[in-house]
Amino acid sequence: MSEYLIPLTIEPLDEGGYLATSSELQGLIAQGRTIAETLEIAEDVARKLIESCIKHNDPLPKTISPSLAKPFKLQTRIPLSVEI
């Protein structure tokens, strides 16, 4: 089993929830109520897209290849509502 690193853009939706897309993996669109749910759905969609490409001998984008890198540290900002 290979591991791939896929760049994602996650943005809040006006009606609530979040949308994840990838500029590198065409067709990757995921929507969820929370960031965690959106990431989980995006991971599943990405897996299915890559498996389909491999199964049908379709080329993956050159920027997407199996990751040989060590685990990495990710820093990000998340929205947080606090009632005082």
Protein backbone atom coordinates (compact mmCIF):
# COMPACT_ATOMS: atom_id res chain seq x y z
CA MET A 1 0.00 0.00 0.00
CA SER A 2 1.38 3.40 -0.97
CA GLU A 3 0.78 6.68 0.79
CA TYR A 4 0.12 9.86 -1.19
CA LEU A 5 0.25 13.48 -0.06
CA ILE A 6 -2.57 15.45 -1.68
CA PRO A 7 -2.78 19.24 -1.33
CA LEU A 8 -6.22 20.37 -0.15
CA THR A 9 -7.96 23.70 0.15
CA ILE A 10 -10.67 23.83 2.80
CA GLU A 11 -13.00 26.77 2.99
CA PRO A 12 -16.11 27.55 5.03
CA LEU A 13 -19.42 27.67 3.21
CA ASP A 14 -21.88 30.54 3.67
CA GLU A 15 -24.68 28.11 4.54
CA GLY A 16 -22.49 26.32 7.09
CA GLY A 17 -20.07 23.46 6.82
CA TYR A 18 -16.88 23.23 4.81
CA LEU A 19 -15.76 22.44 1.27
CA ALA A 20 -12.50 20.70 0.38
CA THR A 21 -11.01 20.74 -3.13
CA SER A 22 -7.64 19.94 -4.62
CA SER A 23 -5.92 21.85 -7.39
CA GLU A 24 -3.77 18.76 -8.07
CA LEU A 25 -6.34 15.94 -8.10
CA GLN A 26 -9.16 16.77 -10.48
CA GLY A 27 -12.55 15.64 -9.22
CA LEU A 28 -11.69 15.82 -5.53
CA ILE A 29 -14.58 17.71 -3.97
CA ALA A 30 -15.79 16.97 -0.45
CA GLN A 31 -18.29 18.71 1.81
CA GLY A 32 -18.88 18.15 5.51
CA ARG A 33 -20.38 19.74 8.60
CA THR A 34 -17.02 20.02 10.37
CA ILE A 35 -13.42 20.30 9.23
CA ALA A 36 -12.74 16.79 10.57
CA GLU A 37 -15.70 15.33 8.69
CA THR A 38 -14.70 17.19 5.52
CA LEU A 39 -11.14 15.83 5.75
CA GLU A 40 -12.43 12.29 6.27
CA ILE A 41 -14.68 12.52 3.21
CA ALA A 42 -11.89 14.13 1.14
CA GLU A 43 -9.54 11.29 2.08
CA ASP A 44 -12.09 8.71 0.93
CA VAL A 45 -12.75 10.56 -2.36
CA ALA A 46 -9.00 10.94 -3.03
CA ARG A 47 -8.41 7.24 -2.35
CA LYS A 48 -11.15 6.23 -4.78
CA LEU A 49 -9.88 8.61 -7.48
CA ILE A 50 -6.30 7.34 -7.20
CA GLU A 51 -7.38 3.69 -7.08
CA SER A 52 -9.46 4.25 -10.22
CA CYS A 53 -6.50 5.82 -12.05
CA ILE A 54 -4.27 2.91 -11.08
CA LYS A 55 -6.89 0.29 -11.99
CA HIS A 56 -7.51 1.82 -15.44
CA ASN A 57 -3.85 2.67 -16.11
CA ASP A 58 -4.68 6.37 -16.23
CA PRO A 59 -1.80 8.67 -15.36
CA LEU A 60 -1.79 10.50 -12.05
CA PRO A 61 -0.80 14.16 -12.08
CA LYS A 62 3.00 14.45 -12.00
CA THR A 63 2.80 16.30 -8.69
CA ILE A 64 1.09 13.32 -7.03
CA SER A 65 3.31 10.34 -6.38
CA PRO A 66 3.77 7.87 -3.56
CA SER A 67 5.23 9.60 -0.53
CA LEU A 68 8.63 8.41 0.61
CA ALA A 69 8.95 11.22 3.10
CA LYS A 70 8.96 10.85 6.84
CA PRO A 71 5.88 12.00 8.76
CA PHE A 72 5.60 15.76 8.71
CA LYS A 73 4.39 18.47 11.03
CA LEU A 74 1.35 20.45 9.93
CA GLN A 75 0.46 23.86 11.30
CA THR A 76 -2.89 25.41 10.56
CA ARG A 77 -5.60 27.62 12.02
CA ILE A 78 -9.07 26.37 12.83
CA PRO A 79 -12.21 28.37 13.57
CA LEU A 80 -13.29 28.14 17.19
CA SER A 81 -16.38 29.63 18.86
CA VAL A 82 -16.20 30.17 22.61
CA GLU A 83 -19.05 31.35 24.82
CA ILE A 84 -18.02 33.31 27.89
